[in-house]
Amino acid sequence: MSRKALSMAKQKQDKHDDSSLFMPVVSKATLAINKSAAGAGVLGLVGFAALFLVACVFFVTENYFVAMLIMSFALLVYVTGSELAKLFLTSFTIFFSSKHVIPAAAYLQETLVPLRRTLMIRRDGEGNVKAGPLVKGMTVKLPDNPLARDIHTLLEKNPNFEYAEYIAHEYYVQCHELYDHSSSHLEFVATAMPMFGLIATIIGLIGMFEGLGAEVTVEFLSPQLALALKCTLYGVLLAALYKIIASRFDQRLKALDYDFETFCRALQVLIDNKAIVEVRP
């Protein structure tokens, strides 16, 4: 066999080997993601269809507020799937508690309090995080929680900032995703509800114009006008309610980002000053 033929055969074999190594991994991951997403999507779609039919029943019986309220729940089910109860519980919690919903983020918030006080962390006029003045080898006392113990172990064995930042990120990312997704879901419903109110308004106006004739009375026009005005009002009110709840998640998200940035700066200061961390019970 010629040298050129051998080279072509080798290239073909290499391509075959690469595909045999690469494609199964990609296919399995893709199938796993699609299966999970498809399950949540089907559940959300079925739930939306069921609640939509219930809302239509109340709409026909002229219970317009109940119909619009159920319609908003249908939209929530559509975007959240099986996580609707989790969204309700999270929304209720953030209104009545100053702590983060996820325990890991609460540990970050709890640990940051003594760090901010001991390291004299503050922000300057430009928004940059500053610390100090500090003493080399100073002792910092932290509350007893998993994050404080991780930082204590890290500074004793391997005081590396990149790894310390990775540890802090593990305590931050889950709560960040929860707040971000919850805010997006509520914003979607807040945007969609006025549209459904407008649809109901148009339905009422169509019924009113279809009945116009030579003999038109106030008693005839009143129900259609009431339908148009009530549905518009209810759609706007529900949109405002969901917008308010979504803004609460946005506020918590900004606070969490602020805490994470400040905590990472505190870790950098601890490592640079070779501080000693003590975990108090």
C-alpha atoms as a PDB file:
ATOM      1  CA  MET A   1       0.000   0.000   0.000  1.00  0.00           C
ATOM      2  CA  SER A   2       1.345   3.466  -0.901  1.00  0.00           C
ATOM      3  CA  ARG A   3       2.269   6.089   1.661  1.00  0.00           C
ATOM      4  CA  LYS A   4      -0.614   8.313   0.512  1.00  0.00           C
ATOM      5  CA  ALA A   5      -3.136   5.525   0.960  1.00  0.00           C
ATOM      6  CA  LEU A   6      -1.802   4.778   4.437  1.00  0.00           C
ATOM      7  CA  SER A   7      -2.123   8.453   5.389  1.00  0.00           C
ATOM      8  CA  MET A   8      -5.715   8.618   4.151  1.00  0.00           C
ATOM      9  CA  ALA A   9      -6.619   5.441   5.996  1.00  0.00           C
ATOM     10  CA  LYS A  10      -5.099   6.786   9.202  1.00  0.00           C
ATOM     11  CA  GLN A  11      -7.035  10.066   8.919  1.00  0.00           C
ATOM     12  CA  LYS A  12     -10.260   8.157   8.348  1.00  0.00           C
ATOM     13  CA  GLN A  13      -9.557   5.977  11.369  1.00  0.00           C
ATOM     14  CA  ASP A  14      -8.786   9.026  13.525  1.00  0.00           C
ATOM     15  CA  LYS A  15     -12.066  10.641  12.538  1.00  0.00           C
ATOM     16  CA  HIS A  16     -13.888   7.430  13.348  1.00  0.00           C
ATOM     17  CA  ASP A  17     -12.209   7.221  16.745  1.00  0.00           C
ATOM     18  CA  ASP A  18     -12.990  10.846  17.557  1.00  0.00           C
ATOM     19  CA  SER A  19     -16.640  10.360  16.717  1.00  0.00           C
ATOM     20  CA  SER A  20     -16.800   7.181  18.763  1.00  0.00           C
ATOM     21  CA  LEU A  21     -15.427   9.047  21.757  1.00  0.00           C
ATOM     22  CA  PHE A  22     -17.297  12.309  21.282  1.00  0.00           C
ATOM     23  CA  MET A  23     -20.738  11.437  19.982  1.00  0.00           C
ATOM     24  CA  PRO A  24     -21.869   9.022  22.715  1.00  0.00           C
ATOM     25  CA  VAL A  25     -21.071  11.595  25.408  1.00  0.00           C
ATOM     26  CA  VAL A  26     -22.892  14.395  23.616  1.00  0.00           C
ATOM     27  CA  SER A  27     -25.839  12.182  22.762  1.00  0.00           C
ATOM     28  CA  LYS A  28     -26.326  10.966  26.329  1.00  0.00           C
ATOM     29  CA  ALA A  29     -26.105  14.459  27.790  1.00  0.00           C
ATOM     30  CA  THR A  30     -28.431  15.846  25.156  1.00  0.00           C
ATOM     31  CA  LEU A  31     -30.945  13.076  25.649  1.00  0.00           C
ATOM     32  CA  ALA A  32     -30.863  13.512  29.433  1.00  0.00           C
ATOM     33  CA  ILE A  33     -31.444  17.252  29.200  1.00  0.00           C
ATOM     34  CA  ASN A  34     -34.170  16.874  26.607  1.00  0.00           C
ATOM     35  CA  LYS A  35     -35.928  14.223  28.653  1.00  0.00           C
ATOM     36  CA  SER A  36     -36.009  16.409  31.758  1.00  0.00           C
ATOM     37  CA  ALA A  37     -37.043  19.506  29.844  1.00  0.00           C
ATOM     38  CA  ALA A  38     -39.677  17.591  27.908  1.00  0.00           C
ATOM     39  CA  GLY A  39     -41.144  16.174  31.121  1.00  0.00           C
ATOM     40  CA  ALA A  40     -41.444  19.621  32.692  1.00  0.00           C
ATOM     41  CA  GLY A  41     -42.781  21.064  29.437  1.00  0.00           C
ATOM     42  CA  VAL A  42     -45.481  18.411  29.028  1.00  0.00           C
ATOM     43  CA  LEU A  43     -46.580  18.776  32.648  1.00  0.00           C
ATOM     44  CA  GLY A  44     -46.753  22.547  32.297  1.00  0.00           C
ATOM     45  CA  LEU A  45     -48.676  22.312  29.048  1.00  0.00           C
ATOM     46  CA  VAL A  46     -51.212  19.829  30.427  1.00  0.00           C
ATOM     47  CA  GLY A  47     -51.669  21.892  33.586  1.00  0.00           C
ATOM     48  CA  PHE A  48     -52.120  25.049  31.536  1.00  0.00           C
ATOM     49  CA  ALA A  49     -54.763  23.401  29.343  1.00  0.00           C
ATOM     50  CA  ALA A  50     -56.693  22.102  32.351  1.00  0.00           C
ATOM     51  CA  LEU A  51     -56.691  25.425  34.192  1.00  0.00           C
ATOM     52  CA  PHE A  52     -57.520  27.275  30.983  1.00  0.00           C
ATOM     53  CA  LEU A  53     -60.685  25.202  30.609  1.00  0.00           C
ATOM     54  CA  VAL A  54     -61.622  25.912  34.225  1.00  0.00           C
ATOM     55  CA  ALA A  55     -61.043  29.625  33.640  1.00  0.00           C
ATOM     56  CA  CYS A  56     -63.292  29.481  30.563  1.00  0.00           C
ATOM     57  CA  VAL A  57     -66.079  27.964  32.667  1.00  0.00           C
ATOM     58  CA  PHE A  58     -65.907  30.818  35.176  1.00  0.00           C
ATOM     59  CA  PHE A  59     -65.694  33.324  32.331  1.00  0.00           C
ATOM     60  CA  VAL A  60     -68.886  31.983  30.753  1.00  0.00           C
ATOM     61  CA  THR A  61     -70.659  32.132  34.120  1.00  0.00           C
ATOM     62  CA  GLU A  62     -69.540  35.796  34.404  1.00  0.00           C
ATOM     63  CA  ASN A  63     -67.163  35.263  37.343  1.00  0.00           C
ATOM     64  CA  TYR A  64     -64.573  37.398  35.638  1.00  0.00           C
ATOM     65  CA  PHE A  65     -62.155  37.943  38.516  1.00  0.00           C
ATOM     66  CA  VAL A  66     -62.000  34.235  39.339  1.00  0.00           C
ATOM     67  CA  ALA A  67     -61.521  33.471  35.648  1.00  0.00           C
ATOM     68  CA  MET A  68     -58.613  35.916  35.347  1.00  0.00           C
ATOM     69  CA  LEU A  69     -57.040  34.672  38.589  1.00  0.00           C
ATOM     70  CA  ILE A  70     -57.172  31.052  37.420  1.00  0.00           C
ATOM     71  CA  MET A  71     -55.763  32.187  34.078  1.00  0.00           C
ATOM     72  CA  SER A  72     -52.770  33.678  35.864  1.00  0.00           C
ATOM     73  CA  PHE A  73     -52.242  30.385  37.707  1.00  0.00           C
ATOM     74  CA  ALA A  74     -52.449  28.588  34.361  1.00  0.00           C
ATOM     75  CA  LEU A  75     -49.631  30.749  33.016  1.00  0.00           C
ATOM     76  CA  LEU A  76     -47.557  30.038  36.121  1.00  0.00           C
ATOM     77  CA  VAL A  77     -48.084  26.306  35.687  1.00  0.00           C
ATOM     78  CA  TYR A  78     -47.070  26.633  32.045  1.00  0.00           C
ATOM     79  CA  VAL A  79     -43.697  28.224  32.857  1.00  0.00           C
ATOM     80  CA  THR A  80     -42.895  26.392  36.119  1.00  0.00           C
ATOM     81  CA  GLY A  81     -44.336  22.900  35.607  1.00  0.00           C
ATOM     82  CA  SER A  82     -43.975  20.900  38.808  1.00  0.00           C
ATOM     83  CA  GLU A  83     -42.135  23.744  40.596  1.00  0.00           C
ATOM     84  CA  LEU A  84     -45.258  25.869  41.129  1.00  0.00           C
ATOM     85  CA  ALA A  85     -45.481  24.991  44.844  1.00  0.00           C
ATOM     86  CA  LYS A  86     -41.795  25.850  45.242  1.00  0.00           C
ATOM     87  CA  LEU A  87     -42.384  29.242  43.630  1.00  0.00           C
ATOM     88  CA  PHE A  88     -45.310  29.996  45.960  1.00  0.00           C
ATOM     89  CA  LEU A  89     -43.320  28.962  49.034  1.00  0.00           C
ATOM     90  CA  THR A  90     -40.302  31.009  47.958  1.00  0.00           C
ATOM     91  CA  SER A  91     -42.448  34.076  47.221  1.00  0.00           C
ATOM     92  CA  PHE A  92     -44.095  33.837  50.634  1.00  0.00           C
ATOM     93  CA  THR A  93     -40.743  33.399  52.405  1.00  0.00           C
ATOM     94  CA  ILE A  94     -38.924  36.380  50.913  1.00  0.00           C
ATOM     95  CA  PHE A  95     -41.722  38.724  52.005  1.00  0.00           C
ATOM     96  CA  PHE A  96     -41.523  37.728  55.668  1.00  0.00           C
ATOM     97  CA  SER A  97     -37.843  36.924  56.178  1.00  0.00           C
ATOM     98  CA  SER A  98     -34.646  38.884  55.615  1.00  0.00           C
ATOM     99  CA  LYS A  99     -32.578  35.722  55.141  1.00  0.00           C
ATOM    100  CA  HIS A 100     -32.027  34.012  51.821  1.00  0.00           C
ATOM    101  CA  VAL A 101     -34.259  31.068  50.991  1.00  0.00           C
ATOM    102  CA  ILE A 102     -31.481  28.561  50.233  1.00  0.00           C
ATOM    103  CA  PRO A 103     -29.542  27.542  53.391  1.00  0.00           C
ATOM    104  CA  ALA A 104     -26.183  27.738  51.583  1.00  0.00           C
ATOM    105  CA  ALA A 105     -26.790  31.403  50.690  1.00  0.00           C
ATOM    106  CA  ALA A 106     -27.934  32.063  54.250  1.00  0.00           C
ATOM    107  CA  TYR A 107     -24.565  30.716  55.458  1.00  0.00           C
ATOM    108  CA  LEU A 108     -22.812  33.170  53.148  1.00  0.00           C
ATOM    109  CA  GLN A 109     -24.925  36.018  54.499  1.00  0.00           C
ATOM    110  CA  GLU A 110     -24.303  34.941  58.101  1.00  0.00           C
ATOM    111  CA  THR A 111     -20.546  34.556  57.642  1.00  0.00           C
ATOM    112  CA  LEU A 112     -20.204  37.903  55.917  1.00  0.00           C
ATOM    113  CA  VAL A 113     -21.467  39.852  58.950  1.00  0.00           C
ATOM    114  CA  PRO A 114     -18.394  39.271  61.204  1.00  0.00           C
ATOM    115  CA  LEU A 115     -16.070  39.499  58.204  1.00  0.00           C
ATOM    116  CA  ARG A 116     -17.410  42.926  57.273  1.00  0.00           C
ATOM    117  CA  ARG A 117     -17.043  44.120  60.857  1.00  0.00           C
ATOM    118  CA  THR A 118     -13.599  42.638  61.560  1.00  0.00           C
ATOM    119  CA  LEU A 119     -12.004  43.508  58.219  1.00  0.00           C
ATOM    120  CA  MET A 120     -13.675  46.960  58.136  1.00  0.00           C
ATOM    121  CA  ILE A 121     -15.055  46.330  54.660  1.00  0.00           C
ATOM    122  CA  ARG A 122     -16.698  49.301  52.969  1.00  0.00           C
ATOM    123  CA  ARG A 123     -17.287  50.818  49.536  1.00  0.00           C
ATOM    124  CA  ASP A 124     -15.654  53.979  48.302  1.00  0.00           C
ATOM    125  CA  GLY A 125     -17.278  56.690  46.222  1.00  0.00           C
ATOM    126  CA  GLU A 126     -16.741  54.715  43.010  1.00  0.00           C
ATOM    127  CA  GLY A 127     -18.374  51.577  44.412  1.00  0.00           C
ATOM    128  CA  ASN A 128     -15.161  49.590  44.885  1.00  0.00           C
ATOM    129  CA  VAL A 129     -14.875  47.297  47.911  1.00  0.00           C
ATOM    130  CA  LYS A 130     -12.187  48.421  50.370  1.00  0.00           C
ATOM    131  CA  ALA A 131     -10.855  46.874  53.577  1.00  0.00           C
ATOM    132  CA  GLY A 132      -8.515  47.768  56.408  1.00  0.00           C
ATOM    133  CA  PRO A 133      -6.208  48.893  57.756  1.00  0.00           C
ATOM    134  CA  LEU A 134      -5.382  45.378  58.930  1.00  0.00           C
ATOM    135  CA  VAL A 135      -2.678  43.572  60.891  1.00  0.00           C
ATOM    136  CA  LYS A 136      -0.779  40.680  59.332  1.00  0.00           C
ATOM    137  CA  GLY A 137      -1.732  37.342  60.829  1.00  0.00           C
ATOM    138  CA  MET A 138      -4.800  38.732  62.600  1.00  0.00           C
ATOM    139  CA  THR A 139      -7.417  36.372  64.019  1.00  0.00           C
ATOM    140  CA  VAL A 140     -10.947  36.412  62.599  1.00  0.00           C
ATOM    141  CA  LYS A 141     -13.773  34.687  64.463  1.00  0.00           C
ATOM    142  CA  LEU A 142     -16.598  33.258  62.360  1.00  0.00           C
ATOM    143  CA  PRO A 143     -19.896  31.587  63.308  1.00  0.00           C
ATOM    144  CA  ASP A 144     -20.033  27.815  63.163  1.00  0.00           C
ATOM    145  CA  ASN A 145     -21.529  26.836  59.816  1.00  0.00           C
ATOM    146  CA  PRO A 146     -20.390  24.722  56.837  1.00  0.00           C
ATOM    147  CA  LEU A 147     -19.024  27.714  54.907  1.00  0.00           C
ATOM    148  CA  ALA A 148     -16.959  28.979  57.842  1.00  0.00           C
ATOM    149  CA  ARG A 149     -15.526  25.507  58.367  1.00  0.00           C
ATOM    150  CA  ASP A 150     -14.639  25.258  54.670  1.00  0.00           C
ATOM    151  CA  ILE A 151     -12.856  28.628  54.789  1.00  0.00           C
ATOM    152  CA  HIS A 152     -11.034  27.607  57.969  1.00  0.00           C
ATOM    153  CA  THR A 153      -9.797  24.381  56.342  1.00  0.00           C
ATOM    154  CA  LEU A 154      -8.826  26.183  53.143  1.00  0.00           C
ATOM    155  CA  LEU A 155      -6.715  28.822  54.893  1.00  0.00           C
ATOM    156  CA  GLU A 156      -4.962  26.159  56.944  1.00  0.00           C
ATOM    157  CA  LYS A 157      -4.103  23.785  54.101  1.00  0.00           C
ATOM    158  CA  ASN A 158      -4.161  25.675  50.791  1.00  0.00           C
ATOM    159  CA  PRO A 159      -4.749  29.455  50.946  1.00  0.00           C
ATOM    160  CA  ASN A 160      -5.526  29.884  47.247  1.00  0.00           C
ATOM    161  CA  PHE A 161      -7.930  32.642  46.213  1.00  0.00           C
ATOM    162  CA  GLU A 162      -9.254  30.930  43.077  1.00  0.00           C
ATOM    163  CA  TYR A 163     -10.237  27.855  45.046  1.00  0.00           C
ATOM    164  CA  ALA A 164     -11.674  30.016  47.832  1.00  0.00           C
ATOM    165  CA  GLU A 165     -13.778  31.878  45.258  1.00  0.00           C
ATOM    166  CA  TYR A 166     -14.960  28.545  43.874  1.00  0.00           C
ATOM    167  CA  ILE A 167     -16.087  27.469  47.347  1.00  0.00           C
ATOM    168  CA  ALA A 168     -17.973  30.740  47.856  1.00  0.00           C
ATOM    169  CA  HIS A 169     -19.591  30.361  44.433  1.00  0.00           C
ATOM    170  CA  GLU A 170     -20.935  26.931  45.402  1.00  0.00           C
ATOM    171  CA  TYR A 171     -22.767  28.578  48.300  1.00  0.00           C
ATOM    172  CA  TYR A 172     -24.072  31.345  46.044  1.00  0.00           C
ATOM    173  CA  VAL A 173     -25.059  29.903  42.684  1.00  0.00           C
ATOM    174  CA  GLN A 174     -28.102  27.800  43.661  1.00  0.00           C
ATOM    175  CA  CYS A 175     -29.884  30.691  45.346  1.00  0.00           C
ATOM    176  CA  HIS A 176     -28.946  33.008  42.484  1.00  0.00           C
ATOM    177  CA  GLU A 177     -30.536  30.645  39.961  1.00  0.00           C
ATOM    178  CA  LEU A 178     -33.663  30.305  42.099  1.00  0.00           C
ATOM    179  CA  TYR A 179     -34.153  34.059  42.384  1.00  0.00           C
ATOM    180  CA  ASP A 180     -33.404  34.609  38.694  1.00  0.00           C
ATOM    181  CA  HIS A 181     -35.800  31.913  37.471  1.00  0.00           C
ATOM    182  CA  SER A 182     -38.565  32.968  39.873  1.00  0.00           C
ATOM    183  CA  SER A 183     -38.288  36.583  38.769  1.00  0.00           C
ATOM    184  CA  SER A 184     -38.411  35.562  35.100  1.00  0.00           C
ATOM    185  CA  HIS A 185     -41.518  33.402  35.626  1.00  0.00           C
ATOM    186  CA  LEU A 186     -43.381  36.173  37.444  1.00  0.00           C
ATOM    187  CA  GLU A 187     -42.346  38.768  34.870  1.00  0.00           C
ATOM    188  CA  PHE A 188     -43.752  36.516  32.145  1.00  0.00           C
ATOM    189  CA  VAL A 189     -47.142  36.318  33.861  1.00  0.00           C
ATOM    190  CA  ALA A 190     -47.127  40.066  34.586  1.00  0.00           C
ATOM    191  CA  THR A 191     -46.528  40.731  30.891  1.00  0.00           C
ATOM    192  CA  ALA A 192     -49.169  38.270  29.668  1.00  0.00           C
ATOM    193  CA  MET A 193     -52.080  39.109  31.986  1.00  0.00           C
ATOM    194  CA  PRO A 194     -52.974  42.511  30.409  1.00  0.00           C
ATOM    195  CA  MET A 195     -53.122  40.734  27.049  1.00  0.00           C
ATOM    196  CA  PHE A 196     -55.706  38.266  28.341  1.00  0.00           C
ATOM    197  CA  GLY A 197     -57.638  41.172  29.839  1.00  0.00           C
ATOM    198  CA  LEU A 198     -57.547  42.834  26.429  1.00  0.00           C
ATOM    199  CA  ILE A 199     -58.816  39.643  24.771  1.00  0.00           C
ATOM    200  CA  ALA A 200     -61.775  39.557  27.155  1.00  0.00           C
ATOM    201  CA  THR A 201     -62.371  43.249  26.477  1.00  0.00           C
ATOM    202  CA  ILE A 202     -62.500  42.621  22.740  1.00  0.00           C
ATOM    203  CA  ILE A 203     -64.911  39.737  23.265  1.00  0.00           C
ATOM    204  CA  GLY A 204     -67.227  42.046  25.218  1.00  0.00           C
ATOM    205  CA  LEU A 205     -67.050  44.773  22.588  1.00  0.00           C
ATOM    206  CA  ILE A 206     -67.729  42.303  19.775  1.00  0.00           C
ATOM    207  CA  GLY A 207     -70.841  41.090  21.582  1.00  0.00           C
ATOM    208  CA  MET A 208     -71.953  44.657  22.100  1.00  0.00           C
ATOM    209  CA  PHE A 209     -71.507  45.709  18.463  1.00  0.00           C
ATOM    210  CA  GLU A 210     -73.168  42.566  17.149  1.00  0.00           C
ATOM    211  CA  GLY A 211     -76.293  43.428  19.101  1.00  0.00           C
ATOM    212  CA  LEU A 212     -76.548  47.045  17.956  1.00  0.00           C
ATOM    213  CA  GLY A 213     -79.715  47.766  16.050  1.00  0.00           C
ATOM    214  CA  ALA A 214     -82.663  50.059  15.880  1.00  0.00           C
ATOM    215  CA  GLU A 215     -83.754  49.318  19.424  1.00  0.00           C
ATOM    216  CA  VAL A 216     -80.798  49.487  21.800  1.00  0.00           C
ATOM    217  CA  THR A 217     -81.275  49.931  25.520  1.00  0.00           C
ATOM    218  CA  VAL A 218     -78.896  50.526  28.401  1.00  0.00           C
ATOM    219  CA  GLU A 219     -79.889  47.164  29.869  1.00  0.00           C
ATOM    220  CA  PHE A 220     -78.623  45.490  26.713  1.00  0.00           C
ATOM    221  CA  LEU A 221     -75.292  47.313  26.534  1.00  0.00           C
ATOM    222  CA  SER A 222     -74.421  47.180  30.241  1.00  0.00           C
ATOM    223  CA  PRO A 223     -73.320  43.516  30.470  1.00  0.00           C
ATOM    224  CA  GLN A 224     -70.961  43.819  27.489  1.00  0.00           C
ATOM    225  CA  LEU A 225     -69.486  47.076  28.783  1.00  0.00           C
ATOM    226  CA  ALA A 226     -69.088  45.582  32.235  1.00  0.00           C
ATOM    227  CA  LEU A 227     -67.289  42.578  30.734  1.00  0.00           C
ATOM    228  CA  ALA A 228     -64.913  44.820  28.807  1.00  0.00           C
ATOM    229  CA  LEU A 229     -64.080  47.103  31.721  1.00  0.00           C
ATOM    230  CA  LYS A 230     -63.874  44.447  34.440  1.00  0.00           C
ATOM    231  CA  CYS A 231     -61.555  42.122  32.521  1.00  0.00           C
ATOM    232  CA  THR A 232     -59.244  44.999  31.615  1.00  0.00           C
ATOM    233  CA  LEU A 233     -59.151  46.082  35.255  1.00  0.00           C
ATOM    234  CA  TYR A 234     -58.542  42.570  36.607  1.00  0.00           C
ATOM    235  CA  GLY A 235     -55.817  41.899  34.066  1.00  0.00           C
ATOM    236  CA  VAL A 236     -53.959  45.080  35.021  1.00  0.00           C
ATOM    237  CA  LEU A 237     -54.371  44.464  38.770  1.00  0.00           C
ATOM    238  CA  LEU A 238     -53.035  40.911  38.540  1.00  0.00           C
ATOM    239  CA  ALA A 239     -50.158  42.072  36.335  1.00  0.00           C
ATOM    240  CA  ALA A 240     -49.258  44.698  38.943  1.00  0.00           C
ATOM    241  CA  LEU A 241     -49.375  42.074  41.712  1.00  0.00           C
ATOM    242  CA  TYR A 242     -47.030  39.707  39.887  1.00  0.00           C
ATOM    243  CA  LYS A 243     -44.772  42.628  38.976  1.00  0.00           C
ATOM    244  CA  ILE A 244     -44.472  43.591  42.641  1.00  0.00           C
ATOM    245  CA  ILE A 245     -43.560  40.030  43.630  1.00  0.00           C
ATOM    246  CA  ALA A 246     -41.024  39.827  40.790  1.00  0.00           C
ATOM    247  CA  SER A 247     -39.426  43.090  41.930  1.00  0.00           C
ATOM    248  CA  ARG A 248     -38.943  41.557  45.369  1.00  0.00           C
ATOM    249  CA  PHE A 249     -36.954  38.737  43.788  1.00  0.00           C
ATOM    250  CA  ASP A 250     -34.911  41.294  41.841  1.00  0.00           C
ATOM    251  CA  GLN A 251     -34.080  43.094  45.084  1.00  0.00           C
ATOM    252  CA  ARG A 252     -32.977  39.842  46.710  1.00  0.00           C
ATOM    253  CA  LEU A 253     -30.920  38.996  43.641  1.00  0.00           C
ATOM    254  CA  LYS A 254     -29.067  42.304  43.828  1.00  0.00           C
ATOM    255  CA  ALA A 255     -28.469  41.822  47.562  1.00  0.00           C
ATOM    256  CA  LEU A 256     -27.127  38.322  46.941  1.00  0.00           C
ATOM    257  CA  ASP A 257     -24.774  39.564  44.210  1.00  0.00           C
ATOM    258  CA  TYR A 258     -23.574  42.305  46.532  1.00  0.00           C
ATOM    259  CA  ASP A 259     -22.937  39.803  49.336  1.00  0.00           C
ATOM    260  CA  PHE A 260     -21.032  37.480  47.015  1.00  0.00           C
ATOM    261  CA  GLU A 261     -18.820  40.270  45.682  1.00  0.00           C
ATOM    262  CA  THR A 262     -18.101  41.514  49.191  1.00  0.00           C
ATOM    263  CA  PHE A 263     -17.422  38.002  50.459  1.00  0.00           C
ATOM    264  CA  CYS A 264     -14.926  37.319  47.665  1.00  0.00           C
ATOM    265  CA  ARG A 265     -13.128  40.553  48.518  1.00  0.00           C
ATOM    266  CA  ALA A 266     -13.035  39.478  52.174  1.00  0.00           C
ATOM    267  CA  LEU A 267     -11.494  36.143  51.173  1.00  0.00           C
ATOM    268  CA  GLN A 268      -8.834  37.954  49.177  1.00  0.00           C
ATOM    269  CA  VAL A 269      -8.009  40.109  52.206  1.00  0.00           C
ATOM    270  CA  LEU A 270      -7.815  37.060  54.483  1.00  0.00           C
ATOM    271  CA  ILE A 271      -5.409  35.290  52.138  1.00  0.00           C
ATOM    272  CA  ASP A 272      -3.239  38.351  51.473  1.00  0.00           C
ATOM    273  CA  ASN A 273      -2.882  39.097  55.186  1.00  0.00           C
ATOM    274  CA  LYS A 274      -2.408  35.426  56.175  1.00  0.00           C
ATOM    275  CA  ALA A 275      -5.254  35.761  58.645  1.00  0.00           C
ATOM    276  CA  ILE A 276      -6.174  32.999  61.069  1.00  0.00           C
ATOM    277  CA  VAL A 277      -9.817  31.934  61.067  1.00  0.00           C
ATOM    278  CA  GLU A 278     -11.400  30.576  64.219  1.00  0.00           C
ATOM    279  CA  VAL A 279     -14.809  28.933  64.085  1.00  0.00           C
ATOM    280  CA  ARG A 280     -16.715  29.635  67.290  1.00  0.00           C
ATOM    281  CA  PRO A 281     -19.576  27.368  68.324  1.00  0.00           C
END
